Amino acid sequence: MSVTFIVTSILIKDKGKRIKVKGYIKSVLYALFHYYAEKFYFWLFNNKTQRDKTGMSYLFQDWQSNRKNFKGQLVLFMFRLASLINRSMIAKVIFILYLLFYRYLVEWIWGIEIPRKTKIGKGLSLFHGQALVINQGVVIGDNCTLRNSTTIGHKKLADGTFSRCPRIGNNVDIGANVVIIGDIEIGDNVVIGAGAVVTKSIPANSVAVGNPARILDKKETAANA
């Protein structure tokens, strides 16, 4: 849509009316601002797939999962915004102060380490959050739940190198004080009890507890018992 078309639309809309000069200039400037703001936004995120995933729905995708939990809503809103900025080098330069503020407030003040590069699906629930540490290489699926004092990250190997980080499926409920480390996979619909130390993969639809974690029972079996 061209600027000429926008201005013409304003004139047609107000045809037959007396237009004050001040109001007219304000309308034109408003139209110009929106036009160029949209152009600038698409220029920052010039990949179509990225554009499709941006917007208000992206920023608020965890809102409903944290009802009556304003802290969780705020932390995850800030995380999504930081993740969005992280997609573009130009955006990172422009919004560097916000990225620094995000790290200072969320990580240093609130003690919640969720790096902006971490891949997390929609609908994440965050309870309390203090002392939560997530490595940036972790992958978390949709509709998962995280609680305080939980650590998810890589494991130091015998040769001094570090392993890959865990990949967590959808609908996984992780209790407080849980440790999940190493190159492992957590299947869908898994429940991990409080205080568990997970160093091996867990199949889908399982309940895991203990240190080291053991599979207590299949959720399907428990439901039929």
C-alpha atoms as a PDB file:
ATOM      1  CA  MET A   1       0.000   0.000   0.000  1.00  0.00           C
ATOM      2  CA  SER A   2       1.540   3.340  -1.065  1.00  0.00           C
ATOM      3  CA  VAL A   3       1.622   6.526   0.987  1.00  0.00           C
ATOM      4  CA  THR A   4      -0.374   8.286  -1.752  1.00  0.00           C
ATOM      5  CA  PHE A   5      -3.166   5.710  -1.406  1.00  0.00           C
ATOM      6  CA  ILE A   6      -3.283   6.187   2.383  1.00  0.00           C
ATOM      7  CA  VAL A   7      -3.452   9.984   2.137  1.00  0.00           C
ATOM      8  CA  THR A   8      -6.082   9.786  -0.613  1.00  0.00           C
ATOM      9  CA  SER A   9      -8.186   7.475   1.570  1.00  0.00           C
ATOM     10  CA  ILE A  10      -8.108  10.040   4.351  1.00  0.00           C
ATOM     11  CA  LEU A  11      -9.265  12.788   1.963  1.00  0.00           C
ATOM     12  CA  ILE A  12     -12.129  10.655   0.619  1.00  0.00           C
ATOM     13  CA  LYS A  13     -13.239   9.730   4.122  1.00  0.00           C
ATOM     14  CA  ASP A  14     -13.430  13.381   5.127  1.00  0.00           C
ATOM     15  CA  LYS A  15     -14.933  14.615   1.853  1.00  0.00           C
ATOM     16  CA  GLY A  16     -17.696  17.132   2.338  1.00  0.00           C
ATOM     17  CA  LYS A  17     -16.419  18.074   5.782  1.00  0.00           C
ATOM     18  CA  ARG A  18     -14.382  20.983   6.876  1.00  0.00           C
ATOM     19  CA  ILE A  19     -10.921  19.669   7.730  1.00  0.00           C
ATOM     20  CA  LYS A  20      -8.825  21.654  10.110  1.00  0.00           C
ATOM     21  CA  VAL A  21      -5.222  22.004   9.021  1.00  0.00           C
ATOM     22  CA  LYS A  22      -3.888  20.709  12.320  1.00  0.00           C
ATOM     23  CA  GLY A  23      -6.103  17.613  12.237  1.00  0.00           C
ATOM     24  CA  TYR A  24      -5.230  16.923   8.613  1.00  0.00           C
ATOM     25  CA  ILE A  25      -1.481  17.061   9.246  1.00  0.00           C
ATOM     26  CA  LYS A  26      -1.915  14.815  12.279  1.00  0.00           C
ATOM     27  CA  SER A  27      -3.819  12.248  10.203  1.00  0.00           C
ATOM     28  CA  VAL A  28      -1.186  12.262   7.463  1.00  0.00           C
ATOM     29  CA  LEU A  29       1.677  11.865   9.940  1.00  0.00           C
ATOM     30  CA  TYR A  30      -0.171   9.024  11.678  1.00  0.00           C
ATOM     31  CA  ALA A  31      -0.644   7.220   8.359  1.00  0.00           C
ATOM     32  CA  LEU A  32       2.993   7.752   7.401  1.00  0.00           C
ATOM     33  CA  PHE A  33       4.178   6.449  10.757  1.00  0.00           C
ATOM     34  CA  HIS A  34       2.190   3.220  10.437  1.00  0.00           C
ATOM     35  CA  TYR A  35       3.274   2.710   6.859  1.00  0.00           C
ATOM     36  CA  TYR A  36       6.988   3.070   7.550  1.00  0.00           C
ATOM     37  CA  ALA A  37       6.792   1.252  10.891  1.00  0.00           C
ATOM     38  CA  GLU A  38       5.382  -1.767   9.057  1.00  0.00           C
ATOM     39  CA  LYS A  39       8.084  -1.511   6.392  1.00  0.00           C
ATOM     40  CA  PHE A  40      10.781  -1.311   9.077  1.00  0.00           C
ATOM     41  CA  TYR A  41       9.301  -4.278  10.946  1.00  0.00           C
ATOM     42  CA  PHE A  42       9.277  -6.464   7.835  1.00  0.00           C
ATOM     43  CA  TRP A  43      12.786  -5.309   6.999  1.00  0.00           C
ATOM     44  CA  LEU A  44      14.042  -6.454  10.426  1.00  0.00           C
ATOM     45  CA  PHE A  45      12.345  -9.834  10.091  1.00  0.00           C
ATOM     46  CA  ASN A  46      12.654 -10.301   6.341  1.00  0.00           C
ATOM     47  CA  ASN A  47      12.089 -14.060   6.446  1.00  0.00           C
ATOM     48  CA  LYS A  48       8.422 -14.907   5.800  1.00  0.00           C
ATOM     49  CA  THR A  49       8.424 -17.771   8.298  1.00  0.00           C
ATOM     50  CA  GLN A  50       9.734 -15.458  10.973  1.00  0.00           C
ATOM     51  CA  ARG A  51       7.099 -12.834  10.165  1.00  0.00           C
ATOM     52  CA  ASP A  52       4.344 -15.398  10.439  1.00  0.00           C
ATOM     53  CA  LYS A  53       5.506 -16.299  13.939  1.00  0.00           C
ATOM     54  CA  THR A  54       5.826 -12.721  15.175  1.00  0.00           C
ATOM     55  CA  GLY A  55       3.257 -10.375  16.598  1.00  0.00           C
ATOM     56  CA  MET A  56       1.218 -10.111  19.763  1.00  0.00           C
ATOM     57  CA  SER A  57       0.101 -13.742  19.696  1.00  0.00           C
ATOM     58  CA  TYR A  58       3.747 -14.822  19.841  1.00  0.00           C
ATOM     59  CA  LEU A  59       4.545 -12.574  22.789  1.00  0.00           C
ATOM     60  CA  PHE A  60       1.485 -13.681  24.770  1.00  0.00           C
ATOM     61  CA  GLN A  61       1.550 -17.398  23.922  1.00  0.00           C
ATOM     62  CA  ASP A  62       2.228 -18.354  27.564  1.00  0.00           C
ATOM     63  CA  TRP A  63      -0.318 -15.975  29.088  1.00  0.00           C
ATOM     64  CA  GLN A  64      -3.190 -18.415  29.579  1.00  0.00           C
ATOM     65  CA  SER A  65      -0.884 -21.117  30.975  1.00  0.00           C
ATOM     66  CA  ASN A  66       0.061 -18.770  33.817  1.00  0.00           C
ATOM     67  CA  ARG A  67      -3.345 -17.467  34.877  1.00  0.00           C
ATOM     68  CA  LYS A  68      -3.284 -15.724  38.290  1.00  0.00           C
ATOM     69  CA  ASN A  69       0.522 -15.849  38.130  1.00  0.00           C
ATOM     70  CA  PHE A  70       1.585 -12.381  37.034  1.00  0.00           C
ATOM     71  CA  LYS A  71       5.264 -13.030  37.730  1.00  0.00           C
ATOM     72  CA  GLY A  72       5.252 -16.047  35.413  1.00  0.00           C
ATOM     73  CA  GLN A  73       3.391 -14.067  32.765  1.00  0.00           C
ATOM     74  CA  LEU A  74       5.841 -11.176  32.975  1.00  0.00           C
ATOM     75  CA  VAL A  75       8.980 -13.348  32.898  1.00  0.00           C
ATOM     76  CA  LEU A  76       7.794 -15.337  29.885  1.00  0.00           C
ATOM     77  CA  PHE A  77       6.577 -12.221  28.055  1.00  0.00           C
ATOM     78  CA  MET A  78      10.040 -10.720  28.500  1.00  0.00           C
ATOM     79  CA  PHE A  79      11.636 -13.987  27.366  1.00  0.00           C
ATOM     80  CA  ARG A  80       9.507 -14.146  24.206  1.00  0.00           C
ATOM     81  CA  LEU A  81      10.339 -10.530  23.390  1.00  0.00           C
ATOM     82  CA  ALA A  82      14.065 -11.188  23.887  1.00  0.00           C
ATOM     83  CA  SER A  83      13.783 -14.299  21.680  1.00  0.00           C
ATOM     84  CA  LEU A  84      12.054 -12.252  18.994  1.00  0.00           C
ATOM     85  CA  ILE A  85      14.769  -9.606  19.071  1.00  0.00           C
ATOM     86  CA  ASN A  86      17.422 -12.318  18.925  1.00  0.00           C
ATOM     87  CA  ARG A  87      16.241 -13.360  15.441  1.00  0.00           C
ATOM     88  CA  SER A  88      17.752 -10.300  13.788  1.00  0.00           C
ATOM     89  CA  MET A  89      21.254  -8.863  14.176  1.00  0.00           C
ATOM     90  CA  ILE A  90      19.921  -5.410  13.414  1.00  0.00           C
ATOM     91  CA  ALA A  91      17.227  -5.787  16.069  1.00  0.00           C
ATOM     92  CA  LYS A  92      19.838  -6.935  18.599  1.00  0.00           C
ATOM     93  CA  VAL A  93      21.860  -3.792  17.951  1.00  0.00           C
ATOM     94  CA  ILE A  94      18.831  -1.516  18.202  1.00  0.00           C
ATOM     95  CA  PHE A  95      17.418  -3.170  21.322  1.00  0.00           C
ATOM     96  CA  ILE A  96      20.687  -4.026  23.068  1.00  0.00           C
ATOM     97  CA  LEU A  97      19.612  -2.093  26.167  1.00  0.00           C
ATOM     98  CA  TYR A  98      16.478  -4.228  26.485  1.00  0.00           C
ATOM     99  CA  LEU A  99      18.511  -7.446  26.182  1.00  0.00           C
ATOM    100  CA  LEU A 100      20.822  -6.232  28.948  1.00  0.00           C
ATOM    101  CA  PHE A 101      17.823  -5.241  31.069  1.00  0.00           C
ATOM    102  CA  TYR A 102      16.218  -8.646  30.525  1.00  0.00           C
ATOM    103  CA  ARG A 103      19.321 -10.444  31.703  1.00  0.00           C
ATOM    104  CA  TYR A 104      19.803  -8.127  34.664  1.00  0.00           C
ATOM    105  CA  LEU A 105      16.209  -8.280  35.928  1.00  0.00           C
ATOM    106  CA  VAL A 106      15.249 -11.886  35.165  1.00  0.00           C
ATOM    107  CA  GLU A 107      18.591 -13.606  35.752  1.00  0.00           C
ATOM    108  CA  TRP A 108      20.397 -11.485  38.340  1.00  0.00           C
ATOM    109  CA  ILE A 109      17.503 -10.078  40.360  1.00  0.00           C
ATOM    110  CA  TRP A 110      14.887 -12.850  40.119  1.00  0.00           C
ATOM    111  CA  GLY A 111      17.350 -15.718  39.750  1.00  0.00           C
ATOM    112  CA  ILE A 112      15.667 -17.251  36.694  1.00  0.00           C
ATOM    113  CA  GLU A 113      18.060 -18.211  33.907  1.00  0.00           C
ATOM    114  CA  ILE A 114      16.185 -18.652  30.639  1.00  0.00           C
ATOM    115  CA  PRO A 115      18.564 -17.556  27.848  1.00  0.00           C
ATOM    116  CA  ARG A 116      16.954 -15.817  24.908  1.00  0.00           C
ATOM    117  CA  LYS A 117      18.376 -18.481  22.533  1.00  0.00           C
ATOM    118  CA  THR A 118      16.581 -21.352  24.286  1.00  0.00           C
ATOM    119  CA  LYS A 119      13.966 -23.097  22.126  1.00  0.00           C
ATOM    120  CA  ILE A 120      10.734 -23.386  24.089  1.00  0.00           C
ATOM    121  CA  GLY A 121       7.314 -24.308  22.715  1.00  0.00           C
ATOM    122  CA  LYS A 122       4.079 -22.505  23.424  1.00  0.00           C
ATOM    123  CA  GLY A 123       2.110 -22.681  26.660  1.00  0.00           C
ATOM    124  CA  LEU A 124       4.988 -22.906  29.138  1.00  0.00           C
ATOM    125  CA  SER A 125       3.919 -22.726  32.803  1.00  0.00           C
ATOM    126  CA  LEU A 126       6.360 -21.258  35.309  1.00  0.00           C
ATOM    127  CA  PHE A 127       5.708 -21.702  39.030  1.00  0.00           C
ATOM    128  CA  HIS A 128       7.794 -19.538  41.393  1.00  0.00           C
ATOM    129  CA  GLY A 129      10.900 -19.806  39.205  1.00  0.00           C
ATOM    130  CA  GLN A 130      13.602 -18.890  41.697  1.00  0.00           C
ATOM    131  CA  ALA A 131      16.898 -20.751  41.139  1.00  0.00           C
ATOM    132  CA  LEU A 132      15.674 -22.079  37.783  1.00  0.00           C
ATOM    133  CA  VAL A 133      18.587 -22.685  35.396  1.00  0.00           C
ATOM    134  CA  ILE A 134      18.096 -23.680  31.745  1.00  0.00           C
ATOM    135  CA  ASN A 135      20.988 -24.035  29.330  1.00  0.00           C
ATOM    136  CA  GLN A 136      20.532 -22.256  25.998  1.00  0.00           C
ATOM    137  CA  GLY A 137      20.952 -25.572  24.173  1.00  0.00           C
ATOM    138  CA  VAL A 138      17.900 -27.139  25.827  1.00  0.00           C
ATOM    139  CA  VAL A 139      14.816 -27.806  23.690  1.00  0.00           C
ATOM    140  CA  ILE A 140      11.421 -27.779  25.442  1.00  0.00           C
ATOM    141  CA  GLY A 141       8.143 -28.736  23.762  1.00  0.00           C
ATOM    142  CA  ASP A 142       4.630 -27.340  24.087  1.00  0.00           C
ATOM    143  CA  ASN A 143       2.576 -27.034  27.282  1.00  0.00           C
ATOM    144  CA  CYS A 144       5.342 -27.946  29.726  1.00  0.00           C
ATOM    145  CA  THR A 145       5.597 -26.964  33.396  1.00  0.00           C
ATOM    146  CA  LEU A 146       8.736 -25.812  35.218  1.00  0.00           C
ATOM    147  CA  ARG A 147       9.190 -25.107  38.921  1.00  0.00           C
ATOM    148  CA  ASN A 148      11.750 -23.525  41.223  1.00  0.00           C
ATOM    149  CA  SER A 149      15.270 -24.832  41.905  1.00  0.00           C
ATOM    150  CA  THR A 150      15.367 -26.876  38.710  1.00  0.00           C
ATOM    151  CA  THR A 151      18.452 -27.303  36.525  1.00  0.00           C
ATOM    152  CA  ILE A 152      18.340 -28.462  32.896  1.00  0.00           C
ATOM    153  CA  GLY A 153      21.566 -28.553  30.921  1.00  0.00           C
ATOM    154  CA  HIS A 154      24.576 -30.403  29.602  1.00  0.00           C
ATOM    155  CA  LYS A 155      26.852 -32.840  31.434  1.00  0.00           C
ATOM    156  CA  LYS A 156      30.623 -32.717  31.680  1.00  0.00           C
ATOM    157  CA  LEU A 157      32.129 -35.831  30.141  1.00  0.00           C
ATOM    158  CA  ALA A 158      35.244 -37.748  31.194  1.00  0.00           C
ATOM    159  CA  ASP A 159      37.379 -36.122  28.499  1.00  0.00           C
ATOM    160  CA  GLY A 160      36.487 -32.644  29.742  1.00  0.00           C
ATOM    161  CA  THR A 161      34.023 -31.828  26.963  1.00  0.00           C
ATOM    162  CA  PHE A 162      30.342 -31.224  27.446  1.00  0.00           C
ATOM    163  CA  SER A 163      27.467 -33.307  26.160  1.00  0.00           C
ATOM    164  CA  ARG A 164      24.428 -32.083  24.281  1.00  0.00           C
ATOM    165  CA  CYS A 165      21.536 -30.719  26.298  1.00  0.00           C
ATOM    166  CA  PRO A 166      18.262 -32.553  27.011  1.00  0.00           C
ATOM    167  CA  ARG A 167      15.337 -32.508  24.576  1.00  0.00           C
ATOM    168  CA  ILE A 168      12.027 -32.373  26.378  1.00  0.00           C
ATOM    169  CA  GLY A 169       8.768 -33.336  24.680  1.00  0.00           C
ATOM    170  CA  ASN A 170       5.254 -31.931  24.964  1.00  0.00           C
ATOM    171  CA  ASN A 171       3.081 -31.842  28.086  1.00  0.00           C
ATOM    172  CA  VAL A 172       5.957 -32.619  30.456  1.00  0.00           C
ATOM    173  CA  ASP A 173       5.426 -31.705  34.135  1.00  0.00           C
ATOM    174  CA  ILE A 174       8.699 -31.145  36.005  1.00  0.00           C
ATOM    175  CA  GLY A 175       8.656 -30.871  39.794  1.00  0.00           C
ATOM    176  CA  ALA A 176      10.727 -28.624  42.053  1.00  0.00           C
ATOM    177  CA  ASN A 177      14.432 -29.307  42.724  1.00  0.00           C
ATOM    178  CA  VAL A 178      14.766 -31.517  39.652  1.00  0.00           C
ATOM    179  CA  VAL A 179      18.054 -31.983  37.783  1.00  0.00           C
ATOM    180  CA  ILE A 180      17.954 -33.063  34.129  1.00  0.00           C
ATOM    181  CA  ILE A 181      21.358 -33.256  32.479  1.00  0.00           C
ATOM    182  CA  GLY A 182      23.053 -34.850  29.505  1.00  0.00           C
ATOM    183  CA  ASP A 183      22.293 -35.927  25.973  1.00  0.00           C
ATOM    184  CA  ILE A 184      18.904 -37.438  26.789  1.00  0.00           C
ATOM    185  CA  GLU A 185      15.286 -37.239  25.641  1.00  0.00           C
ATOM    186  CA  ILE A 186      12.191 -36.863  27.783  1.00  0.00           C
ATOM    187  CA  GLY A 187       9.098 -38.188  25.996  1.00  0.00           C
ATOM    188  CA  ASP A 188       5.671 -36.596  25.785  1.00  0.00           C
ATOM    189  CA  ASN A 189       3.282 -36.608  28.747  1.00  0.00           C
ATOM    190  CA  VAL A 190       5.986 -37.381  31.320  1.00  0.00           C
ATOM    191  CA  VAL A 191       5.753 -36.426  35.001  1.00  0.00           C
ATOM    192  CA  ILE A 192       9.034 -35.980  36.885  1.00  0.00           C
ATOM    193  CA  GLY A 193       8.684 -35.911  40.655  1.00  0.00           C
ATOM    194  CA  ALA A 194      10.268 -33.325  42.952  1.00  0.00           C
ATOM    195  CA  GLY A 195      13.950 -33.848  43.696  1.00  0.00           C
ATOM    196  CA  ALA A 196      14.561 -36.319  40.868  1.00  0.00           C
ATOM    197  CA  VAL A 197      17.965 -36.479  39.166  1.00  0.00           C
ATOM    198  CA  VAL A 198      17.502 -37.512  35.548  1.00  0.00           C
ATOM    199  CA  THR A 199      20.558 -38.634  33.560  1.00  0.00           C
ATOM    200  CA  LYS A 200      18.888 -41.147  31.223  1.00  0.00           C
ATOM    201  CA  SER A 201      16.112 -40.831  28.673  1.00  0.00           C
ATOM    202  CA  ILE A 202      12.522 -41.327  29.839  1.00  0.00           C
ATOM    203  CA  PRO A 203       9.889 -42.829  27.512  1.00  0.00           C
ATOM    204  CA  ALA A 204       6.584 -41.099  26.853  1.00  0.00           C
ATOM    205  CA  ASN A 205       3.655 -41.440  29.256  1.00  0.00           C
ATOM    206  CA  SER A 206       5.863 -42.245  32.243  1.00  0.00           C
ATOM    207  CA  VAL A 207       6.240 -41.122  35.857  1.00  0.00           C
ATOM    208  CA  ALA A 208       9.854 -40.764  37.063  1.00  0.00           C
ATOM    209  CA  VAL A 209      11.026 -40.188  40.653  1.00  0.00           C
ATOM    210  CA  GLY A 210      14.132 -40.495  42.797  1.00  0.00           C
ATOM    211  CA  ASN A 211      17.886 -39.999  42.687  1.00  0.00           C
ATOM    212  CA  PRO A 212      18.892 -41.438  40.322  1.00  0.00           C
ATOM    213  CA  ALA A 213      15.516 -41.224  38.612  1.00  0.00           C
ATOM    214  CA  ARG A 214      13.658 -44.442  37.985  1.00  0.00           C
ATOM    215  CA  ILE A 215      10.416 -45.014  36.127  1.00  0.00           C
ATOM    216  CA  LEU A 216       7.776 -45.514  38.762  1.00  0.00           C
ATOM    217  CA  ASP A 217       5.035 -46.626  36.423  1.00  0.00           C
ATOM    218  CA  LYS A 218       3.476 -46.009  33.079  1.00  0.00           C
ATOM    219  CA  LYS A 219       0.731 -43.405  33.372  1.00  0.00           C
ATOM    220  CA  GLU A 220      -1.590 -45.615  31.338  1.00  0.00           C
ATOM    221  CA  THR A 221      -0.998 -48.574  33.681  1.00  0.00           C
ATOM    222  CA  ALA A 222      -1.533 -46.416  36.749  1.00  0.00           C
ATOM    223  CA  ALA A 223      -4.823 -45.117  35.363  1.00  0.00           C
ATOM    224  CA  ASN A 224      -6.129 -48.659  34.844  1.00  0.00           C
ATOM    225  CA  ALA A 225      -5.076 -49.925  38.276  1.00  0.00           C
END
